[in-house]
Amino acid sequence: MSAAEGPLVVGVDSSTQSTKALVVDAATGQIVASGQAPHTVTSGAGRESDPEQWWSALCEALRQCGDAAHEAAAVSIGGQQHGLVTLDAQGKPVRPAMLWNDVRSAPQAQRLIEELGGPKAWADRFGSVPGASFTVTKWAWLAEHEPDAVRTTAAVRLPHDYLTERLTGDGTTDRGDASGTGWWASAGESYDEEILGRVGLDPALLPRVVRPGEVAGTVRGGDLPFAKGTLVAPGTGDNAAAALGLGLRPGTPVLSLGTSGTVYAVSQRRPADPSGTVAGFADARGDWLPLACTLNCTLAVDRMATLLGIDRQAVEPGGSVTLLPYLDGERTPNLPNASGLLHGLRHDTTPGQLLQAAYDGAVHSLLGALELVLDEDADPTAPLLLIGGGARGTAWQQTVQRLSGRAVQVPEAKELVALGAAAQAAGLLTGEDPAAVARRWGTAQGPVLDPVERDEAVLGRIGRVLSDAAPLLDRRPDGS
C-alpha cells in the first residue's frame, strides 16, 4: 500500500448479495484497501435477508482492509434500496428484512394507489407510483400477515439506515433513500402523515432525514470497525450512491446492469410520472434522480445460460425467437406475477440464439424506460454510461449498442456504489460537492464504443410479442 496524499475515507456498498468496502485516499481517489463478504438471500415465497448478516459482512469486509479502515477519518454507507428492516426496542431485528425484489406486496401496492386517489395523485405528491418494491407496500403486507411482528416493532429502517445506526447509535436516513419508501413526499420533502396513518405506521418509528453534506453522527465507542469519533456521512441508496460515484451532471444517461437493471439520470426538475414507469427519486445532493428499474437483469440471463448449459457469453445472431425473461415477476413493465415467456421457438433455433434473446428482452425493457427518464433537453448523442456487474461482458455491451443505437461508455472504475459513498465521506472533510469529488477522481473515465445501427427488427418483434401476450403475462405460474 503506497502512502496516501490525503486523509483516508471508507465507502461501503451493502448490496443484495454482498457487502464491499473500499478505503480511498480522499485527495486522489486511489483505492488503498478493499474487502468483500457475502450475504444469504432466501428463495422461498419472498426475498429476505437477516440484517445481522449485513453487519457481520461489513465487519469482515473491513477486517480484510486491515489497519487502513481504522485510520479512516470518515465513512459512508451505500445500501440496497426499499428493504424493510424492523427493529425491536433493543435494536434487534424483529424478523428478516423484506428486500426490494420481494413482490408479495403487489396487492397492497394496488390498494394504496386506489385509496390515495390513483396513480397521478401519487406521482404528484410522492414523485413515484408505488409498486411491490416500495417499502410502504411491504409494511402494509406485514401489517396484514404478521401483526405480531408489527406490534413488536420499535423502529423501521432501510438497509443503509440500519448499518449507519449500528455505527453511530442514532436513527438517520437521507433524502435519496427516503424517496424510495413511498412515505416520504417529494413535493414537501417530508414524511407524509396521511399515508403513514393509512398503513398504521407511527412516524416516531422512522429515522431523522439528514440533509446533504450534514454529518449523520460519529462512530460510538465499543467493538466497532472504526476509531471512536470517526465521522459518519448520511449514506444513501445504491443508485444515488452510484450517481455520486460517477460524478453525474444533469442529463447524462446511465444504464446499470446488476441483479436488477436500472436506467437513470440526474435532473434539476422534480419528476412525477403517473404511468409509474419512472420512479421520481431524490438524489443524495439536492437534485433528483428519475429512475426506472427492472427486476430481471443479469441473474435472469445467467439463469438462462445455466439452463442451456452454455457460457453466458456464448450468444449467436439470427433466428426468430423472442424471450421475455420475467423469471421473478417484473417491475418495468409492472407485472409482479409474471413468469418468463418464450415465443417463436423453431426446430433450427440454437442455444446461442435463445441466450441472445434473453439479453435482448432484458435490454429492451431498460431502453424503453430510458426514453421516459431523460429530460427533453438531454443530449441524445451523449454516450450511454454502462455500469454494474454486466457492463464488463461483451454480450451485454454489444446488445446495448445494437438496441440503443448510441455510443456506449464503460467506466473503468468498478465499485461505483462504494466509490460514491467514499466521495460523500470525502465531501464531509473537504466541504466539496461529492459529485465534484468523484469527477476530480476521474471515476467515469473509460473506453467509448462507437454507435451502431439500431436493430429495429428485434425491437419491433419484442414489442409485438409483449403487446400480444399482455393478457397472459401478469398471471401467477399456476394460472391464477
Protein backbone atom coordinates (compact mmCIF):
# COMPACT_ATOMS: atom_id res chain seq x y z
CA MET A 1 0.00 0.00 0.00
CA SER A 2 1.51 3.31 -1.07
CA ALA A 3 1.44 6.37 1.19
CA ALA A 4 -1.77 8.37 0.92
CA GLU A 5 -1.64 12.02 -0.15
CA GLY A 6 -4.74 12.97 1.83
CA PRO A 7 -6.96 11.63 4.61
CA LEU A 8 -8.48 8.17 4.17
CA VAL A 9 -12.22 7.60 3.82
CA VAL A 10 -14.29 4.42 3.64
CA GLY A 11 -17.12 3.81 1.18
CA VAL A 12 -19.42 0.82 1.65
CA ASP A 13 -21.73 -0.94 -0.80
CA SER A 14 -24.15 -3.22 1.06
CA SER A 15 -25.97 -4.83 -1.86
CA THR A 16 -28.40 -7.72 -2.21
CA GLN A 17 -25.68 -10.35 -2.47
CA SER A 18 -22.68 -8.98 -0.54
CA THR A 19 -21.05 -6.08 1.27
CA LYS A 20 -17.99 -4.39 -0.23
CA ALA A 21 -15.78 -1.84 1.49
CA LEU A 22 -13.19 0.46 -0.08
CA VAL A 23 -10.61 2.55 1.74
CA VAL A 24 -9.93 5.53 -0.52
CA ASP A 25 -7.43 8.39 -0.47
CA ALA A 26 -9.68 11.46 -0.34
CA ALA A 27 -7.14 13.55 -2.26
CA THR A 28 -6.54 11.29 -5.25
CA GLY A 29 -9.32 8.67 -5.29
CA GLN A 30 -6.73 5.89 -5.07
CA ILE A 31 -8.14 2.69 -3.55
CA VAL A 32 -5.67 1.71 -0.85
CA ALA A 33 -7.53 -1.31 0.55
CA SER A 34 -10.70 -3.31 -0.12
CA GLY A 35 -12.75 -6.17 1.28
CA GLN A 36 -15.89 -8.13 0.50
CA ALA A 37 -18.14 -10.66 2.27
CA PRO A 38 -21.35 -12.39 1.07
CA HIS A 39 -24.97 -12.34 2.29
CA THR A 40 -27.64 -15.02 2.12
CA VAL A 41 -31.00 -14.31 0.46
CA THR A 42 -33.94 -16.67 0.86
CA SER A 43 -35.51 -18.09 -2.29
CA GLY A 44 -38.94 -19.09 -1.00
CA ALA A 45 -42.20 -17.17 -1.29
CA GLY A 46 -40.37 -13.89 -0.74
CA ARG A 47 -36.87 -12.44 -0.83
CA GLU A 48 -35.49 -11.85 2.65
CA SER A 49 -32.16 -11.43 4.45
CA ASP A 50 -31.13 -11.25 8.10
CA PRO A 51 -29.81 -7.70 8.74
CA GLU A 52 -27.34 -9.12 11.26
CA GLN A 53 -25.65 -10.76 8.25
CA TRP A 54 -25.12 -7.32 6.70
CA TRP A 55 -23.37 -6.15 9.84
CA SER A 56 -21.23 -9.28 10.04
CA ALA A 57 -20.34 -8.91 6.36
CA LEU A 58 -19.42 -5.25 6.89
CA CYS A 59 -17.14 -6.15 9.79
CA GLU A 60 -15.50 -8.91 7.74
CA ALA A 61 -15.02 -6.66 4.69
CA LEU A 62 -13.40 -4.03 6.89
CA ARG A 63 -11.22 -6.64 8.59
CA GLN A 64 -9.87 -7.50 5.15
CA CYS A 65 -8.96 -3.81 4.72
CA GLY A 66 -6.57 -4.05 7.65
CA ASP A 67 -5.26 -1.00 9.51
CA ALA A 68 -6.31 1.34 6.70
CA ALA A 69 -10.00 1.17 7.73
CA HIS A 70 -9.16 2.03 11.34
CA GLU A 71 -7.20 5.07 10.14
CA ALA A 72 -10.14 6.47 8.12
CA ALA A 73 -11.40 9.94 9.02
CA ALA A 74 -14.93 9.43 7.63
CA VAL A 75 -17.21 6.65 6.41
CA SER A 76 -20.42 6.42 4.38
CA ILE A 77 -22.81 3.53 3.72
CA GLY A 78 -24.47 2.93 0.35
CA GLY A 79 -27.15 0.24 0.51
CA GLN A 80 -29.79 -1.60 -1.46
CA GLN A 81 -32.98 0.45 -1.66
CA HIS A 82 -36.51 -0.20 -0.40
CA GLY A 83 -35.77 -3.05 2.04
CA LEU A 84 -37.97 -3.13 5.16
CA VAL A 85 -35.93 -3.52 8.37
CA THR A 86 -37.99 -3.84 11.56
CA LEU A 87 -36.20 -3.49 14.90
CA ASP A 88 -37.39 -4.15 18.46
CA ALA A 89 -36.83 -1.90 21.49
CA GLN A 90 -33.29 -3.30 21.88
CA GLY A 91 -32.40 -2.55 18.26
CA LYS A 92 -32.52 -6.22 17.22
CA PRO A 93 -34.27 -7.33 14.01
CA VAL A 94 -37.83 -8.48 14.68
CA ARG A 95 -37.75 -10.65 11.55
CA PRO A 96 -35.66 -10.95 8.37
CA ALA A 97 -35.72 -7.85 6.19
CA MET A 98 -38.06 -7.92 3.19
CA LEU A 99 -35.88 -6.97 0.21
CA TRP A 100 -36.60 -4.75 -2.78
CA ASN A 101 -37.23 -7.74 -5.06
CA ASP A 102 -39.81 -9.32 -2.75
CA VAL A 103 -43.05 -8.83 -4.71
CA ARG A 104 -45.55 -10.34 -2.25
CA SER A 105 -46.95 -6.87 -1.54
CA ALA A 106 -48.29 -6.28 -5.06
CA PRO A 107 -51.96 -6.40 -3.85
CA GLN A 108 -51.18 -3.88 -1.12
CA ALA A 109 -49.50 -1.60 -3.67
CA GLN A 110 -52.59 -1.60 -5.86
CA ARG A 111 -54.87 -0.94 -2.91
CA LEU A 112 -52.77 2.00 -1.70
CA ILE A 113 -52.75 3.54 -5.18
CA GLU A 114 -56.56 3.39 -5.29
CA GLU A 115 -57.05 4.65 -1.72
CA LEU A 116 -54.98 7.78 -2.29
CA GLY A 117 -56.72 8.80 -5.49
CA GLY A 118 -54.94 6.94 -8.25
CA PRO A 119 -51.51 6.99 -9.94
CA LYS A 120 -51.48 10.71 -10.77
CA ALA A 121 -52.18 11.68 -7.17
CA TRP A 122 -49.27 9.54 -6.04
CA ALA A 123 -46.92 10.88 -8.69
CA ASP A 124 -47.79 14.50 -7.95
CA ARG A 125 -47.34 14.09 -4.20
CA PHE A 126 -44.61 11.49 -3.81
CA GLY A 127 -42.87 11.67 -7.19
CA SER A 128 -43.50 7.94 -7.71
CA VAL A 129 -46.33 5.47 -8.04
CA PRO A 130 -45.61 2.62 -5.59
CA GLY A 131 -45.06 -0.91 -6.78
CA ALA A 132 -44.35 -4.05 -4.81
CA SER A 133 -40.73 -2.98 -4.41
CA PHE A 134 -41.57 0.08 -2.32
CA THR A 135 -41.18 -0.06 1.45
CA VAL A 136 -44.65 1.25 2.23
CA THR A 137 -46.26 -1.71 0.47
CA LYS A 138 -44.07 -4.14 2.42
CA TRP A 139 -45.12 -2.58 5.72
CA ALA A 140 -48.78 -2.86 4.62
CA TRP A 141 -48.20 -6.54 3.78
CA LEU A 142 -46.56 -7.14 7.15
CA ALA A 143 -49.44 -5.47 8.99
CA GLU A 144 -51.90 -7.83 7.29
CA HIS A 145 -49.91 -11.05 7.51
CA GLU A 146 -47.71 -10.70 10.60
CA PRO A 147 -49.45 -8.34 13.04
CA ASP A 148 -47.40 -9.66 15.97
CA ALA A 149 -44.21 -8.53 14.22
CA VAL A 150 -45.71 -5.08 13.69
CA ARG A 151 -46.66 -4.80 17.37
CA THR A 152 -43.10 -5.72 18.38
CA THR A 153 -41.51 -3.17 16.03
CA ALA A 154 -40.00 -0.13 17.76
CA ALA A 155 -38.08 1.25 14.76
CA VAL A 156 -38.37 0.99 10.97
CA ARG A 157 -35.24 1.38 8.87
CA LEU A 158 -33.89 0.92 5.35
CA PRO A 159 -30.81 -1.30 4.87
CA HIS A 160 -28.32 1.58 4.75
CA ASP A 161 -30.03 3.20 7.76
CA TYR A 162 -29.57 0.02 9.77
CA LEU A 163 -25.82 -0.12 9.19
CA THR A 164 -25.36 3.61 9.79
CA GLU A 165 -27.24 3.29 13.07
CA ARG A 166 -25.04 0.37 14.13
CA LEU A 167 -22.08 2.76 13.73
CA THR A 168 -23.50 5.90 15.34
CA GLY A 169 -26.28 4.74 17.65
CA ASP A 170 -28.63 7.32 16.05
CA GLY A 171 -31.52 6.63 13.67
CA THR A 172 -30.90 8.60 10.47
CA THR A 173 -31.52 8.33 6.74
CA ASP A 174 -31.07 10.60 3.71
CA ARG A 175 -33.45 12.10 1.14
CA GLY A 176 -32.21 9.81 -1.64
CA ASP A 177 -33.07 6.56 0.11
CA ALA A 178 -36.14 8.01 1.88
CA SER A 179 -37.62 8.89 -1.52
CA GLY A 180 -37.92 5.18 -2.33
CA THR A 181 -40.08 4.31 0.66
CA GLY A 182 -43.46 5.62 -0.50
CA TRP A 183 -43.98 7.53 2.75
CA TRP A 184 -41.59 10.44 2.05
CA ALA A 185 -43.38 13.01 -0.11
CA SER A 186 -41.05 14.65 -2.60
CA ALA A 187 -43.38 17.64 -3.05
CA GLY A 188 -42.67 18.80 0.50
CA GLU A 189 -39.55 16.71 1.18
CA SER A 190 -41.02 15.29 4.38
CA TYR A 191 -42.72 12.22 5.78
CA ASP A 192 -46.38 12.11 4.77
CA GLU A 193 -48.63 11.67 7.80
CA GLU A 194 -51.69 10.67 5.76
CA ILE A 195 -50.08 7.67 4.13
CA LEU A 196 -48.41 6.69 7.39
CA GLY A 197 -51.82 6.77 9.04
CA ARG A 198 -53.32 4.62 6.30
CA VAL A 199 -50.74 1.88 6.86
CA GLY A 200 -50.67 2.27 10.63
CA LEU A 201 -47.05 3.38 10.94
CA ASP A 202 -46.17 5.81 13.74
CA PRO A 203 -43.79 8.47 12.34
CA ALA A 204 -41.86 8.27 15.62
CA LEU A 205 -40.60 4.87 14.42
CA LEU A 206 -38.87 6.44 11.40
CA PRO A 207 -35.32 7.85 11.23
CA ARG A 208 -34.40 11.50 11.02
CA VAL A 209 -33.70 12.65 7.44
CA VAL A 210 -30.18 14.12 7.31
CA ARG A 211 -29.52 16.92 4.81
CA PRO A 212 -26.90 16.53 2.04
CA GLY A 213 -23.48 17.43 3.40
CA GLU A 214 -24.58 17.11 7.03
CA VAL A 215 -22.76 14.80 9.42
CA ALA A 216 -25.07 11.93 10.44
CA GLY A 217 -23.03 11.21 13.56
CA THR A 218 -19.75 9.79 14.75
CA VAL A 219 -18.65 6.25 15.42
CA ARG A 220 -19.53 5.40 19.00
CA GLY A 221 -17.23 3.52 21.33
CA GLY A 222 -17.10 -0.23 21.71
CA ASP A 223 -16.05 -3.10 19.50
CA LEU A 224 -16.60 -1.31 16.18
CA PRO A 225 -14.53 -1.43 12.98
CA PHE A 226 -13.55 2.27 13.13
CA ALA A 227 -11.85 4.53 15.60
CA LYS A 228 -14.22 6.21 18.07
CA GLY A 229 -15.23 9.65 16.78
CA THR A 230 -14.84 8.83 13.06
CA LEU A 231 -17.27 10.99 11.06
CA VAL A 232 -20.25 9.18 9.53
CA ALA A 233 -21.88 10.66 6.42
CA PRO A 234 -25.63 10.39 5.72
CA GLY A 235 -25.13 7.49 3.30
CA THR A 236 -27.77 6.81 0.64
CA GLY A 237 -29.38 4.19 -1.59
CA ASP A 238 -27.26 2.27 -4.05
CA ASN A 239 -28.40 4.06 -7.20
CA ALA A 240 -27.93 7.51 -5.71
CA ALA A 241 -24.50 6.40 -4.46
CA ALA A 242 -23.54 5.20 -7.95
CA ALA A 243 -24.66 8.55 -9.37
CA LEU A 244 -22.29 10.24 -6.90
CA GLY A 245 -19.58 7.74 -7.81
CA LEU A 246 -19.86 8.71 -11.48
CA GLY A 247 -19.88 12.43 -10.68
CA LEU A 248 -23.02 12.71 -12.80
CA ARG A 249 -24.07 16.00 -14.31
CA PRO A 250 -27.75 16.57 -15.22
CA GLY A 251 -28.90 14.79 -18.38
CA THR A 252 -26.16 12.14 -18.65
CA PRO A 253 -27.86 8.74 -19.14
CA VAL A 254 -26.81 5.70 -17.11
CA LEU A 255 -27.71 2.05 -17.66
CA SER A 256 -26.76 -0.22 -14.76
CA LEU A 257 -26.61 -3.98 -15.22
CA GLY A 258 -26.74 -5.76 -11.88
CA THR A 259 -29.08 -8.12 -10.04
CA SER A 260 -31.65 -5.59 -11.18
CA GLY A 261 -31.30 -3.39 -14.23
CA THR A 262 -31.73 0.36 -13.86
CA VAL A 263 -31.68 3.44 -16.05
CA TYR A 264 -31.41 6.91 -14.57
CA ALA A 265 -30.09 10.44 -14.94
CA VAL A 266 -29.67 13.39 -12.61
CA SER A 267 -32.29 16.07 -13.15
CA GLN A 268 -32.87 19.52 -11.69
CA ARG A 269 -36.62 19.06 -12.18
CA ARG A 270 -38.71 17.08 -9.69
CA PRO A 271 -40.04 14.07 -11.64
CA ALA A 272 -43.66 12.89 -11.48
CA ASP A 273 -44.58 10.10 -13.91
CA PRO A 274 -48.22 8.99 -13.45
CA SER A 275 -47.59 5.85 -15.53
CA GLY A 276 -45.37 4.57 -12.71
CA THR A 277 -42.59 3.56 -15.10
CA VAL A 278 -40.24 6.25 -13.79
CA ALA A 279 -39.67 6.46 -10.05
CA GLY A 280 -39.18 10.08 -9.03
CA PHE A 281 -36.35 9.55 -6.58
CA ALA A 282 -34.32 12.28 -4.95
CA ASP A 283 -30.57 12.15 -5.31
CA ALA A 284 -28.07 12.50 -2.46
CA ARG A 285 -27.05 16.07 -3.35
CA GLY A 286 -30.26 18.10 -3.53
CA ASP A 287 -31.30 17.35 -7.12
CA TRP A 288 -33.44 14.49 -8.43
CA LEU A 289 -32.77 11.04 -9.86
CA PRO A 290 -35.61 9.86 -12.12
CA LEU A 291 -35.08 6.12 -12.42
CA ALA A 292 -36.65 3.03 -13.90
CA CYS A 293 -35.83 -0.43 -12.62
CA THR A 294 -36.32 -3.96 -13.93
CA LEU A 295 -36.20 -6.94 -11.58
CA ASN A 296 -34.76 -9.29 -14.17
CA CYS A 297 -31.34 -8.46 -15.48
CA THR A 298 -28.02 -10.29 -15.09
CA LEU A 299 -29.39 -13.05 -12.84
CA ALA A 300 -32.13 -13.86 -15.35
CA VAL A 301 -29.68 -14.04 -18.25
CA ASP A 302 -27.21 -16.10 -16.21
CA ARG A 303 -30.03 -18.47 -15.28
CA MET A 304 -30.87 -18.97 -18.95
CA ALA A 305 -27.21 -19.72 -19.71
CA THR A 306 -27.17 -22.31 -16.92
CA LEU A 307 -30.38 -23.94 -18.16
CA LEU A 308 -28.92 -24.13 -21.67
CA GLY A 309 -25.57 -25.42 -20.39
CA ILE A 310 -23.54 -22.75 -22.18
CA ASP A 311 -21.29 -19.88 -21.19
CA ARG A 312 -23.04 -16.53 -20.61
CA GLN A 313 -21.05 -15.01 -23.50
CA ALA A 314 -21.95 -17.78 -26.00
CA VAL A 315 -24.59 -15.80 -27.88
CA GLU A 316 -25.36 -16.25 -31.56
CA PRO A 317 -27.08 -13.87 -34.00
CA GLY A 318 -30.15 -14.66 -36.07
CA GLY A 319 -33.26 -16.70 -35.53
CA SER A 320 -36.83 -15.66 -34.78
CA VAL A 321 -37.08 -16.40 -31.09
CA THR A 322 -38.23 -13.81 -28.53
CA LEU A 323 -37.75 -14.24 -24.78
CA LEU A 324 -39.27 -12.04 -22.10
CA PRO A 325 -37.09 -13.03 -19.11
CA TYR A 326 -39.54 -12.20 -16.31
CA LEU A 327 -38.29 -15.01 -14.08
CA ASP A 328 -39.13 -13.21 -10.81
CA GLY A 329 -42.16 -11.18 -11.83
CA GLU A 330 -41.33 -7.75 -13.23
CA ARG A 331 -41.36 -4.11 -12.21
CA THR A 332 -40.84 -2.46 -15.62
CA PRO A 333 -43.32 -3.25 -17.08
CA ASN A 334 -45.34 -3.60 -13.85
CA LEU A 335 -46.09 -7.34 -13.91
CA PRO A 336 -45.40 -8.64 -10.38
CA ASN A 337 -46.99 -12.04 -11.02
CA ALA A 338 -45.38 -12.66 -14.41
CA SER A 339 -43.12 -15.53 -15.37
CA GLY A 340 -40.85 -15.84 -18.38
CA LEU A 341 -42.34 -16.11 -21.85
CA LEU A 342 -40.75 -17.74 -24.91
CA HIS A 343 -42.14 -17.13 -28.40
CA GLY A 344 -41.03 -18.11 -31.89
CA LEU A 345 -39.08 -21.26 -30.99
CA ARG A 346 -38.30 -23.36 -34.07
CA HIS A 347 -36.53 -26.62 -34.85
CA ASP A 348 -33.41 -24.81 -36.02
CA THR A 349 -33.20 -22.38 -33.06
CA THR A 350 -29.78 -22.68 -31.43
CA PRO A 351 -28.92 -22.35 -27.71
CA GLY A 352 -26.87 -19.27 -28.52
CA GLN A 353 -29.85 -17.61 -30.22
CA LEU A 354 -32.02 -18.39 -27.19
CA LEU A 355 -29.44 -16.80 -24.91
CA GLN A 356 -29.19 -13.73 -27.14
CA ALA A 357 -32.97 -13.42 -26.94
CA ALA A 358 -32.69 -13.28 -23.13
CA TYR A 359 -30.19 -10.42 -23.41
CA ASP A 360 -32.44 -8.66 -25.93
CA GLY A 361 -35.52 -8.98 -23.71
CA ALA A 362 -33.76 -7.53 -20.68
CA VAL A 363 -32.22 -4.61 -22.56
CA HIS A 364 -35.47 -3.84 -24.41
CA SER A 365 -37.24 -3.08 -21.12
CA LEU A 366 -34.45 -0.80 -19.93
CA LEU A 367 -34.13 1.20 -23.15
CA GLY A 368 -37.88 1.75 -23.35
CA ALA A 369 -37.80 3.21 -19.85
CA LEU A 370 -34.77 5.38 -20.64
CA GLU A 371 -36.79 7.45 -23.08
CA LEU A 372 -39.09 8.42 -20.20
CA VAL A 373 -36.24 9.07 -17.75
CA LEU A 374 -34.41 11.69 -19.80
CA ASP A 375 -35.47 15.36 -19.88
CA GLU A 376 -36.32 16.87 -23.24
CA ASP A 377 -33.13 18.95 -23.05
CA ALA A 378 -30.85 15.92 -22.56
CA ASP A 379 -28.29 15.42 -25.34
CA PRO A 380 -29.48 12.41 -27.43
CA THR A 381 -25.98 11.89 -28.80
CA ALA A 382 -24.25 11.70 -25.41
CA PRO A 383 -22.67 8.30 -24.71
CA LEU A 384 -24.72 5.97 -22.56
CA LEU A 385 -22.74 5.16 -19.39
CA LEU A 386 -22.82 1.39 -18.87
CA ILE A 387 -22.11 0.26 -15.31
CA GLY A 388 -22.72 -2.66 -12.97
CA GLY A 389 -21.50 -6.24 -12.99
CA GLY A 390 -22.79 -6.91 -16.50
CA ALA A 391 -21.06 -3.89 -18.03
CA ARG A 392 -17.80 -5.84 -18.45
CA GLY A 393 -19.47 -8.54 -20.52
CA THR A 394 -19.05 -8.31 -24.29
CA ALA A 395 -22.53 -9.75 -24.92
CA TRP A 396 -24.13 -7.09 -22.72
CA GLN A 397 -22.11 -4.29 -24.32
CA GLN A 398 -22.93 -5.35 -27.86
CA THR A 399 -26.63 -5.85 -27.07
CA VAL A 400 -26.91 -2.36 -25.58
CA GLN A 401 -25.06 -0.88 -28.59
CA ARG A 402 -27.26 -2.72 -31.09
CA LEU A 403 -30.61 -1.97 -29.45
CA SER A 404 -29.88 1.63 -28.40
CA GLY A 405 -28.04 2.88 -31.48
CA ARG A 406 -25.99 5.09 -29.13
CA ALA A 407 -22.33 5.31 -28.26
CA VAL A 408 -21.64 3.39 -25.06
CA GLN A 409 -19.01 4.35 -22.49
CA VAL A 410 -17.83 1.79 -19.95
CA PRO A 411 -16.17 3.47 -16.93
CA GLU A 412 -13.02 1.70 -15.77
CA ALA A 413 -13.93 2.18 -12.11
CA LYS A 414 -15.75 -0.95 -10.95
CA GLU A 415 -17.20 -0.35 -7.47
CA LEU A 416 -19.16 2.82 -8.19
CA VAL A 417 -21.61 2.49 -5.28
CA ALA A 418 -18.76 2.17 -2.79
CA LEU A 419 -16.82 4.93 -4.57
CA GLY A 420 -19.86 7.21 -4.42
CA ALA A 421 -20.18 6.55 -0.71
CA ALA A 422 -16.46 7.29 -0.33
CA ALA A 423 -16.91 10.56 -2.25
CA GLN A 424 -19.74 11.50 0.11
CA ALA A 425 -17.47 10.78 3.09
CA ALA A 426 -14.68 12.83 1.49
CA GLY A 427 -17.07 15.73 0.98
CA LEU A 428 -17.58 15.88 4.75
CA LEU A 429 -13.86 16.51 5.16
CA THR A 430 -13.29 18.95 2.28
CA GLY A 431 -16.64 20.74 2.05
CA GLU A 432 -16.93 19.76 -1.64
CA ASP A 433 -19.92 18.50 -3.57
CA PRO A 434 -19.42 14.70 -3.55
CA ALA A 435 -20.08 14.54 -7.30
CA ALA A 436 -17.29 17.08 -7.82
CA VAL A 437 -15.03 14.90 -5.68
CA ALA A 438 -15.76 11.92 -7.95
CA ARG A 439 -15.11 13.99 -11.07
CA ARG A 440 -11.77 15.03 -9.58
CA TRP A 441 -11.02 11.34 -9.05
CA GLY A 442 -11.87 10.59 -12.72
CA THR A 443 -14.21 7.72 -11.90
CA ALA A 444 -16.27 7.91 -15.13
CA GLN A 445 -13.28 7.64 -17.44
CA GLY A 446 -13.26 4.62 -19.73
CA PRO A 447 -13.42 3.45 -23.34
CA VAL A 448 -16.20 4.64 -25.64
CA LEU A 449 -17.78 2.10 -28.00
CA ASP A 450 -18.96 3.69 -31.25
CA PRO A 451 -22.67 3.64 -32.11
CA VAL A 452 -24.00 1.00 -34.48
CA GLU A 453 -27.22 0.92 -36.49
CA ARG A 454 -30.20 0.35 -34.22
CA ASP A 455 -31.77 -3.10 -34.61
CA GLU A 456 -35.34 -2.02 -35.30
CA ALA A 457 -36.37 -5.53 -36.39
CA VAL A 458 -35.63 -7.08 -32.99
CA LEU A 459 -37.10 -4.12 -31.09
CA GLY A 460 -40.28 -4.34 -33.13
CA ARG A 461 -40.57 -8.11 -32.68
CA ILE A 462 -40.21 -7.86 -28.89
CA GLY A 463 -42.74 -5.04 -28.78
CA ARG A 464 -45.31 -7.06 -30.74
CA VAL A 465 -44.87 -10.13 -28.55
CA LEU A 466 -45.18 -8.03 -25.41
CA SER A 467 -48.35 -6.41 -26.70
CA ASP A 468 -49.96 -9.66 -27.88
CA ALA A 469 -49.10 -11.52 -24.66
CA ALA A 470 -50.19 -8.74 -22.28
CA PRO A 471 -53.39 -10.53 -21.12
CA LEU A 472 -51.38 -13.62 -20.15
CA LEU A 473 -48.26 -12.11 -18.64
CA ASP A 474 -49.41 -10.95 -15.21
CA ARG A 475 -50.71 -14.30 -14.08
CA ARG A 476 -49.14 -16.46 -11.44
CA PRO A 477 -47.34 -19.59 -12.68
CA ASP A 478 -50.38 -21.66 -11.62
CA GLY A 479 -52.54 -19.61 -13.99
CA SER A 480 -54.41 -17.63 -11.32
